[in-house]
PDB file of all heavy atoms in Angstrom:
ATOM      1  N   ALA A   1     -37.704 -16.332 -49.257  1.00  0.00           N
ATOM      2  CA  ALA A   1     -38.037 -15.353 -48.462  1.00  0.00           C
ATOM      3  C   ALA A   1     -39.403 -14.740 -48.687  1.00  0.00           C
ATOM      4  O   ALA A   1     -39.862 -14.751 -49.792  1.00  0.00           O
ATOM      5  CB  ALA A   1     -37.123 -14.162 -48.570  1.00  0.00           C
ATOM      6  N   SER A   2     -40.167 -14.216 -47.687  1.00  0.00           N
ATOM      7  CA  SER A   2     -41.421 -13.610 -47.821  1.00  0.00           C
ATOM      8  C   SER A   2     -41.564 -12.568 -46.854  1.00  0.00           C
ATOM      9  O   SER A   2     -40.893 -12.490 -45.788  1.00  0.00           O
ATOM     10  CB  SER A   2     -42.596 -14.644 -47.793  1.00  0.00           C
ATOM     11  OG  SER A   2     -42.584 -15.285 -46.457  1.00  0.00           O
ATOM     12  N   GLY A   3     -42.448 -11.574 -47.105  1.00  0.00           N
ATOM     13  CA  GLY A   3     -42.660 -10.535 -46.101  1.00  0.00           C
ATOM     14  C   GLY A   3     -41.635  -9.415 -46.043  1.00  0.00           C
ATOM     15  O   GLY A   3     -41.668  -8.661 -45.141  1.00  0.00           O
ATOM     16  N   LEU A   4     -40.753  -9.407 -46.940  1.00  0.00           N
ATOM     17  CA  LEU A   4     -39.752  -8.426 -47.122  1.00  0.00           C
ATOM     18  C   LEU A   4     -39.466  -8.085 -48.558  1.00  0.00           C
ATOM     19  O   LEU A   4     -39.707  -8.933 -49.348  1.00  0.00           O
ATOM     20  CB  LEU A   4     -38.445  -8.735 -46.316  1.00  0.00           C
ATOM     21  CG  LEU A   4     -37.799 -10.140 -46.663  1.00  0.00           C
ATOM     22  CD1 LEU A   4     -36.891  -9.973 -47.888  1.00  0.00           C
ATOM     23  CD2 LEU A   4     -36.827 -10.711 -45.526  1.00  0.00           C
ATOM     24  N   THR A   5     -38.835  -6.947 -48.787  1.00  0.00           N
ATOM     25  CA  THR A   5     -38.428  -6.535 -50.073  1.00  0.00           C
ATOM     26  C   THR A   5     -37.119  -7.226 -50.404  1.00  0.00           C
ATOM     27  O   THR A   5     -36.050  -6.702 -50.140  1.00  0.00           O
ATOM     28  CB  THR A   5     -38.359  -5.042 -50.202  1.00  0.00           C
ATOM     29  OG1 THR A   5     -39.639  -4.504 -49.830  1.00  0.00           O
ATOM     30  CG2 THR A   5     -38.145  -4.642 -51.692  1.00  0.00           C
ATOM     31  N   PHE A   6     -37.265  -8.355 -50.992  1.00  0.00           N
ATOM     32  CA  PHE A   6     -36.037  -9.214 -51.111  1.00  0.00           C
ATOM     33  C   PHE A   6     -34.813  -8.572 -51.838  1.00  0.00           C
ATOM     34  O   PHE A   6     -33.616  -8.681 -51.410  1.00  0.00           O
ATOM     35  CB  PHE A   6     -36.412 -10.529 -51.835  1.00  0.00           C
ATOM     36  CG  PHE A   6     -35.351 -11.584 -51.976  1.00  0.00           C
ATOM     37  CD1 PHE A   6     -34.957 -12.301 -50.854  1.00  0.00           C
ATOM     38  CD2 PHE A   6     -34.723 -11.722 -53.163  1.00  0.00           C
ATOM     39  CE1 PHE A   6     -34.045 -13.371 -50.920  1.00  0.00           C
ATOM     40  CE2 PHE A   6     -33.770 -12.816 -53.300  1.00  0.00           C
ATOM     41  CZ  PHE A   6     -33.464 -13.603 -52.210  1.00  0.00           C
ATOM     42  N   SER A   7     -35.135  -7.696 -52.776  1.00  0.00           N
ATOM     43  CA  SER A   7     -34.151  -7.274 -53.629  1.00  0.00           C
ATOM     44  C   SER A   7     -33.225  -6.096 -52.896  1.00  0.00           C
ATOM     45  O   SER A   7     -32.196  -5.776 -53.493  1.00  0.00           O
ATOM     46  CB  SER A   7     -34.734  -6.528 -54.904  1.00  0.00           C
ATOM     47  OG  SER A   7     -35.673  -5.497 -54.475  1.00  0.00           O
ATOM     48  N   VAL A   8     -33.590  -5.777 -51.678  1.00  0.00           N
ATOM     49  CA  VAL A   8     -32.764  -4.688 -50.976  1.00  0.00           C
ATOM     50  C   VAL A   8     -32.026  -5.388 -49.772  1.00  0.00           C
ATOM     51  O   VAL A   8     -31.527  -4.663 -48.920  1.00  0.00           O
ATOM     52  CB  VAL A   8     -33.551  -3.500 -50.441  1.00  0.00           C
ATOM     53  CG1 VAL A   8     -34.193  -2.719 -51.740  1.00  0.00           C
ATOM     54  CG2 VAL A   8     -34.674  -3.916 -49.662  1.00  0.00           C
ATOM     55  N   TYR A   9     -32.057  -6.647 -49.740  1.00  0.00           N
ATOM     56  CA  TYR A   9     -31.448  -7.394 -48.736  1.00  0.00           C
ATOM     57  C   TYR A   9     -30.211  -8.197 -49.274  1.00  0.00           C
ATOM     58  O   TYR A   9     -30.412  -8.941 -50.325  1.00  0.00           O
ATOM     59  CB  TYR A   9     -32.338  -8.400 -48.017  1.00  0.00           C
ATOM     60  CG  TYR A   9     -33.271  -7.606 -47.029  1.00  0.00           C
ATOM     61  CD1 TYR A   9     -34.443  -6.906 -47.519  1.00  0.00           C
ATOM     62  CD2 TYR A   9     -32.888  -7.582 -45.716  1.00  0.00           C
ATOM     63  CE1 TYR A   9     -35.228  -6.349 -46.551  1.00  0.00           C
ATOM     64  CE2 TYR A   9     -33.745  -6.862 -44.754  1.00  0.00           C
ATOM     65  CZ  TYR A   9     -34.819  -6.243 -45.175  1.00  0.00           C
ATOM     66  OH  TYR A   9     -35.670  -5.549 -44.394  1.00  0.00           O
ATOM     67  N   ALA A  10     -29.178  -8.139 -48.712  1.00  0.00           N
ATOM     68  CA  ALA A  10     -28.054  -9.088 -48.889  1.00  0.00           C
ATOM     69  C   ALA A  10     -28.464 -10.393 -48.119  1.00  0.00           C
ATOM     70  O   ALA A  10     -29.210 -10.313 -47.083  1.00  0.00           O
ATOM     71  CB  ALA A  10     -26.765  -8.597 -48.347  1.00  0.00           C
ATOM     72  N   MET A  11     -28.015 -11.447 -48.545  1.00  0.00           N
ATOM     73  CA  MET A  11     -28.404 -12.729 -48.012  1.00  0.00           C
ATOM     74  C   MET A  11     -27.218 -13.627 -47.627  1.00  0.00           C
ATOM     75  O   MET A  11     -26.135 -13.586 -48.287  1.00  0.00           O
ATOM     76  CB  MET A  11     -29.328 -13.616 -48.985  1.00  0.00           C
ATOM     77  CG  MET A  11     -30.553 -12.903 -49.492  1.00  0.00           C
ATOM     78  SD  MET A  11     -31.663 -12.567 -48.079  1.00  0.00           S
ATOM     79  CE  MET A  11     -32.163 -14.234 -47.619  1.00  0.00           C
ATOM     80  N   GLY A  12     -27.271 -14.185 -46.471  1.00  0.00           N
ATOM     81  CA  GLY A  12     -26.168 -14.995 -46.002  1.00  0.00           C
ATOM     82  C   GLY A  12     -26.587 -16.449 -45.624  1.00  0.00           C
ATOM     83  O   GLY A  12     -27.735 -16.635 -45.369  1.00  0.00           O
ATOM     84  N   TRP A  13     -25.600 -17.310 -45.569  1.00  0.00           N
ATOM     85  CA  TRP A  13     -25.717 -18.715 -45.060  1.00  0.00           C
ATOM     86  C   TRP A  13     -24.678 -18.781 -43.901  1.00  0.00           C
ATOM     87  O   TRP A  13     -23.520 -18.412 -44.085  1.00  0.00           O
ATOM     88  CB  TRP A  13     -25.369 -19.668 -46.141  1.00  0.00           C
ATOM     89  CG  TRP A  13     -26.502 -19.814 -47.234  1.00  0.00           C
ATOM     90  CD1 TRP A  13     -26.569 -19.279 -48.415  1.00  0.00           C
ATOM     91  CD2 TRP A  13     -27.651 -20.634 -47.053  1.00  0.00           C
ATOM     92  NE1 TRP A  13     -27.629 -19.603 -48.954  1.00  0.00           N
ATOM     93  CE2 TRP A  13     -28.410 -20.491 -48.275  1.00  0.00           C
ATOM     94  CE3 TRP A  13     -28.241 -21.403 -46.065  1.00  0.00           C
ATOM     95  CZ2 TRP A  13     -29.699 -21.087 -48.535  1.00  0.00           C
ATOM     96  CZ3 TRP A  13     -29.426 -22.137 -46.252  1.00  0.00           C
ATOM     97  CH2 TRP A  13     -30.136 -21.857 -47.501  1.00  0.00           C
ATOM     98  N   PHE A  14     -25.071 -19.383 -42.850  1.00  0.00           N
ATOM     99  CA  PHE A  14     -24.364 -19.733 -41.754  1.00  0.00           C
ATOM    100  C   PHE A  14     -24.568 -21.115 -41.411  1.00  0.00           C
ATOM    101  O   PHE A  14     -25.604 -21.745 -41.776  1.00  0.00           O
ATOM    102  CB  PHE A  14     -24.650 -18.834 -40.486  1.00  0.00           C
ATOM    103  CG  PHE A  14     -24.236 -17.454 -40.647  1.00  0.00           C
ATOM    104  CD1 PHE A  14     -24.908 -16.507 -41.405  1.00  0.00           C
ATOM    105  CD2 PHE A  14     -23.098 -16.914 -40.010  1.00  0.00           C
ATOM    106  CE1 PHE A  14     -24.598 -15.187 -41.641  1.00  0.00           C
ATOM    107  CE2 PHE A  14     -22.714 -15.674 -40.052  1.00  0.00           C
ATOM    108  CZ  PHE A  14     -23.370 -14.747 -40.918  1.00  0.00           C
ATOM    109  N   ARG A  15     -23.742 -21.821 -40.621  1.00  0.00           N
ATOM    110  CA  ARG A  15     -23.945 -23.096 -40.123  1.00  0.00           C
ATOM    111  C   ARG A  15     -23.321 -23.245 -38.724  1.00  0.00           C
ATOM    112  O   ARG A  15     -22.584 -22.617 -38.260  1.00  0.00           O
ATOM    113  CB  ARG A  15     -23.228 -24.181 -41.073  1.00  0.00           C
ATOM    114  CG  ARG A  15     -21.753 -24.074 -41.024  1.00  0.00           C
ATOM    115  CD  ARG A  15     -21.103 -25.059 -42.062  1.00  0.00           C
ATOM    116  NE  ARG A  15     -19.703 -25.030 -42.065  1.00  0.00           N
ATOM    117  CZ  ARG A  15     -18.884 -25.675 -43.005  1.00  0.00           C
ATOM    118  NH1 ARG A  15     -19.426 -26.349 -43.994  1.00  0.00           N
ATOM    119  NH2 ARG A  15     -17.574 -25.659 -42.889  1.00  0.00           N
ATOM    120  N   GLN A  16     -24.041 -24.221 -38.081  1.00  0.00           N
ATOM    121  CA  GLN A  16     -23.691 -24.541 -36.674  1.00  0.00           C
ATOM    122  C   GLN A  16     -23.735 -25.984 -36.370  1.00  0.00           C
ATOM    123  O   GLN A  16     -24.735 -26.651 -36.695  1.00  0.00           O
ATOM    124  CB  GLN A  16     -24.576 -23.847 -35.769  1.00  0.00           C
ATOM    125  CG  GLN A  16     -24.132 -23.860 -34.294  1.00  0.00           C
ATOM    126  CD  GLN A  16     -24.960 -23.021 -33.383  1.00  0.00           C
ATOM    127  OE1 GLN A  16     -26.060 -22.574 -33.696  1.00  0.00           O
ATOM    128  NE2 GLN A  16     -24.320 -22.550 -32.309  1.00  0.00           N
ATOM    129  N   ALA A  17     -22.445 -26.554 -36.093  1.00  0.00           N
ATOM    130  CA  ALA A  17     -22.379 -27.906 -35.770  1.00  0.00           C
ATOM    131  C   ALA A  17     -22.581 -28.076 -34.207  1.00  0.00           C
ATOM    132  O   ALA A  17     -22.402 -27.051 -33.469  1.00  0.00           O
ATOM    133  CB  ALA A  17     -20.999 -28.397 -36.142  1.00  0.00           C
ATOM    134  N   PRO A  18     -22.850 -29.303 -33.840  1.00  0.00           N
ATOM    135  CA  PRO A  18     -23.130 -29.465 -32.305  1.00  0.00           C
ATOM    136  C   PRO A  18     -21.893 -29.051 -31.493  1.00  0.00           C
ATOM    137  O   PRO A  18     -20.764 -29.374 -31.787  1.00  0.00           O
ATOM    138  CB  PRO A  18     -23.405 -30.970 -32.248  1.00  0.00           C
ATOM    139  CG  PRO A  18     -23.929 -31.408 -33.610  1.00  0.00           C
ATOM    140  CD  PRO A  18     -23.252 -30.414 -34.517  1.00  0.00           C
ATOM    141  N   GLY A  19     -22.207 -28.273 -30.408  1.00  0.00           N
ATOM    142  CA  GLY A  19     -21.140 -27.764 -29.633  1.00  0.00           C
ATOM    143  C   GLY A  19     -20.238 -26.701 -30.187  1.00  0.00           C
ATOM    144  O   GLY A  19     -19.310 -26.369 -29.484  1.00  0.00           O
ATOM    145  N   MET A  20     -20.543 -26.159 -31.373  1.00  0.00           N
ATOM    146  CA  MET A  20     -19.694 -25.160 -32.017  1.00  0.00           C
ATOM    147  C   MET A  20     -20.425 -23.931 -32.119  1.00  0.00           C
ATOM    148  O   MET A  20     -21.655 -23.812 -32.090  1.00  0.00           O
ATOM    149  CB  MET A  20     -19.233 -25.770 -33.416  1.00  0.00           C
ATOM    150  CG  MET A  20     -18.606 -27.162 -33.410  1.00  0.00           C
ATOM    151  SD  MET A  20     -17.002 -27.034 -32.612  1.00  0.00           S
ATOM    152  CE  MET A  20     -15.985 -26.270 -33.945  1.00  0.00           C
ATOM    153  N   LYS A  21     -19.664 -22.874 -32.351  1.00  0.00           N
ATOM    154  CA  LYS A  21     -20.172 -21.593 -32.569  1.00  0.00           C
ATOM    155  C   LYS A  21     -20.790 -21.525 -34.015  1.00  0.00           C
ATOM    156  O   LYS A  21     -20.367 -22.283 -34.820  1.00  0.00           O
ATOM    157  CB  LYS A  21     -19.089 -20.470 -32.509  1.00  0.00           C
ATOM    158  CG  LYS A  21     -18.646 -20.100 -31.132  1.00  0.00           C
ATOM    159  CD  LYS A  21     -17.501 -19.188 -31.158  1.00  0.00           C
ATOM    160  CE  LYS A  21     -17.828 -17.918 -31.943  1.00  0.00           C
ATOM    161  NZ  LYS A  21     -16.698 -16.974 -31.904  1.00  0.00           N
ATOM    162  N   ARG A  22     -21.693 -20.642 -34.229  1.00  0.00           N
ATOM    163  CA  ARG A  22     -22.214 -20.497 -35.558  1.00  0.00           C
ATOM    164  C   ARG A  22     -21.208 -19.853 -36.484  1.00  0.00           C
ATOM    165  O   ARG A  22     -20.482 -18.928 -36.077  1.00  0.00           O
ATOM    166  CB  ARG A  22     -23.406 -19.549 -35.563  1.00  0.00           C
ATOM    167  CG  ARG A  22     -24.253 -19.575 -36.895  1.00  0.00           C
ATOM    168  CD  ARG A  22     -25.766 -19.215 -36.637  1.00  0.00           C
ATOM    169  NE  ARG A  22     -26.008 -17.987 -35.788  1.00  0.00           N
ATOM    170  CZ  ARG A  22     -27.131 -17.610 -35.419  1.00  0.00           C
ATOM    171  NH1 ARG A  22     -28.261 -18.294 -35.753  1.00  0.00           N
ATOM    172  NH2 ARG A  22     -27.256 -16.462 -34.727  1.00  0.00           N
ATOM    173  N   GLU A  23     -21.035 -20.487 -37.666  1.00  0.00           N
ATOM    174  CA  GLU A  23     -19.939 -20.093 -38.595  1.00  0.00           C
ATOM    175  C   GLU A  23     -20.513 -19.459 -39.820  1.00  0.00           C
ATOM    176  O   GLU A  23     -21.511 -20.053 -40.431  1.00  0.00           O
ATOM    177  CB  GLU A  23     -19.156 -21.417 -38.898  1.00  0.00           C
ATOM    178  CG  GLU A  23     -18.003 -21.234 -39.942  1.00  0.00           C
ATOM    179  CD  GLU A  23     -17.506 -22.608 -40.378  1.00  0.00           C
ATOM    180  OE1 GLU A  23     -18.209 -23.652 -40.130  1.00  0.00           O
ATOM    181  OE2 GLU A  23     -16.396 -22.647 -40.988  1.00  0.00           O
ATOM    182  N   PHE A  24     -19.824 -18.463 -40.350  1.00  0.00           N
ATOM    183  CA  PHE A  24     -20.096 -17.902 -41.622  1.00  0.00           C
ATOM    184  C   PHE A  24     -19.732 -18.865 -42.624  1.00  0.00           C
ATOM    185  O   PHE A  24     -18.707 -19.401 -42.799  1.00  0.00           O
ATOM    186  CB  PHE A  24     -19.462 -16.604 -41.781  1.00  0.00           C
ATOM    187  CG  PHE A  24     -19.560 -16.012 -43.112  1.00  0.00           C
ATOM    188  CD1 PHE A  24     -20.722 -15.411 -43.506  1.00  0.00           C
ATOM    189  CD2 PHE A  24     -18.451 -16.043 -44.072  1.00  0.00           C
ATOM    190  CE1 PHE A  24     -20.849 -14.811 -44.776  1.00  0.00           C
ATOM    191  CE2 PHE A  24     -18.665 -15.551 -45.342  1.00  0.00           C
ATOM    192  CZ  PHE A  24     -19.803 -14.894 -45.767  1.00  0.00           C
ATOM    193  N   VAL A  25     -20.686 -19.045 -43.657  1.00  0.00           N
ATOM    194  CA  VAL A  25     -20.545 -19.830 -44.833  1.00  0.00           C
ATOM    195  C   VAL A  25     -20.381 -19.091 -46.048  1.00  0.00           C
ATOM    196  O   VAL A  25     -19.197 -19.156 -46.868  1.00  0.00           O
ATOM    197  CB  VAL A  25     -21.640 -20.858 -44.995  1.00  0.00           C
ATOM    198  CG1 VAL A  25     -21.385 -21.718 -46.293  1.00  0.00           C
ATOM    199  CG2 VAL A  25     -21.603 -21.868 -43.689  1.00  0.00           C
ATOM    200  N   SER A  26     -21.390 -18.172 -46.337  1.00  0.00           N
ATOM    201  CA  SER A  26     -21.338 -17.462 -47.618  1.00  0.00           C
ATOM    202  C   SER A  26     -22.378 -16.378 -47.585  1.00  0.00           C
ATOM    203  O   SER A  26     -23.225 -16.331 -46.658  1.00  0.00           O
ATOM    204  CB  SER A  26     -21.676 -18.452 -48.787  1.00  0.00           C
ATOM    205  OG  SER A  26     -21.622 -17.748 -49.983  1.00  0.00           O
ATOM    206  N   ALA A  27     -22.248 -15.361 -48.373  1.00  0.00           N
ATOM    207  CA  ALA A  27     -23.238 -14.237 -48.532  1.00  0.00           C
ATOM    208  C   ALA A  27     -23.163 -13.731 -49.891  1.00  0.00           C
ATOM    209  O   ALA A  27     -22.185 -13.839 -50.591  1.00  0.00           O
ATOM    210  CB  ALA A  27     -22.880 -13.150 -47.467  1.00  0.00           C
ATOM    211  N   ILE A  28     -24.218 -13.062 -50.308  1.00  0.00           N
ATOM    212  CA  ILE A  28     -24.326 -12.475 -51.600  1.00  0.00           C
ATOM    213  C   ILE A  28     -24.944 -11.075 -51.432  1.00  0.00           C
ATOM    214  O   ILE A  28     -25.956 -10.937 -50.711  1.00  0.00           O
ATOM    215  CB  ILE A  28     -25.155 -13.343 -52.543  1.00  0.00           C
ATOM    216  CG1 ILE A  28     -25.214 -12.849 -53.967  1.00  0.00           C
ATOM    217  CG2 ILE A  28     -26.567 -13.637 -51.978  1.00  0.00           C
ATOM    218  CD1 ILE A  28     -25.618 -13.870 -54.981  1.00  0.00           C
ATOM    219  N   GLY A  29     -24.448 -10.197 -52.145  1.00  0.00           N
ATOM    220  CA  GLY A  29     -24.853  -8.838 -52.050  1.00  0.00           C
ATOM    221  C   GLY A  29     -26.361  -8.620 -52.644  1.00  0.00           C
ATOM    222  O   GLY A  29     -26.904  -9.546 -53.230  1.00  0.00           O
ATOM    223  N   TRP A  30     -26.886  -7.488 -52.278  1.00  0.00           N
ATOM    224  CA  TRP A  30     -28.341  -7.248 -52.612  1.00  0.00           C
ATOM    225  C   TRP A  30     -28.613  -7.318 -54.172  1.00  0.00           C
ATOM    226  O   TRP A  30     -29.650  -7.747 -54.698  1.00  0.00           O
ATOM    227  CB  TRP A  30     -28.747  -5.905 -52.173  1.00  0.00           C
ATOM    228  CG  TRP A  30     -28.039  -4.732 -52.755  1.00  0.00           C
ATOM    229  CD1 TRP A  30     -26.873  -4.209 -52.336  1.00  0.00           C
ATOM    230  CD2 TRP A  30     -28.482  -3.932 -53.935  1.00  0.00           C
ATOM    231  NE1 TRP A  30     -26.532  -3.269 -53.214  1.00  0.00           N
ATOM    232  CE2 TRP A  30     -27.407  -2.985 -54.220  1.00  0.00           C
ATOM    233  CE3 TRP A  30     -29.560  -4.010 -54.802  1.00  0.00           C
ATOM    234  CZ2 TRP A  30     -27.542  -2.086 -55.230  1.00  0.00           C
ATOM    235  CZ3 TRP A  30     -29.660  -3.153 -55.790  1.00  0.00           C
ATOM    236  CH2 TRP A  30     -28.610  -2.262 -56.048  1.00  0.00           C
ATOM    237  N   ASN A  31     -27.491  -6.978 -55.050  1.00  0.00           N
ATOM    238  CA  ASN A  31     -27.758  -6.971 -56.449  1.00  0.00           C
ATOM    239  C   ASN A  31     -27.100  -8.273 -57.030  1.00  0.00           C
ATOM    240  O   ASN A  31     -27.071  -8.336 -58.217  1.00  0.00           O
ATOM    241  CB  ASN A  31     -27.037  -5.761 -57.009  1.00  0.00           C
ATOM    242  CG  ASN A  31     -25.636  -5.598 -56.701  1.00  0.00           C
ATOM    243  OD1 ASN A  31     -25.040  -6.447 -56.144  1.00  0.00           O
ATOM    244  ND2 ASN A  31     -25.026  -4.507 -57.232  1.00  0.00           N
ATOM    245  N   GLY A  32     -26.539  -9.134 -56.148  1.00  0.00           N
ATOM    246  CA  GLY A  32     -25.965 -10.390 -56.826  1.00  0.00           C
ATOM    247  C   GLY A  32     -24.605 -10.404 -57.266  1.00  0.00           C
ATOM    248  O   GLY A  32     -24.002 -11.368 -57.670  1.00  0.00           O
TER     249      GLY A  32
END
């Protein structure tokens, strides 16, 4: 990440397979 104050953001991972909706994979809170 760049251009933001990373430490105040929670971060997530999503995935999307062909023809499918975007799916939640994982997330981590701002403090880990």
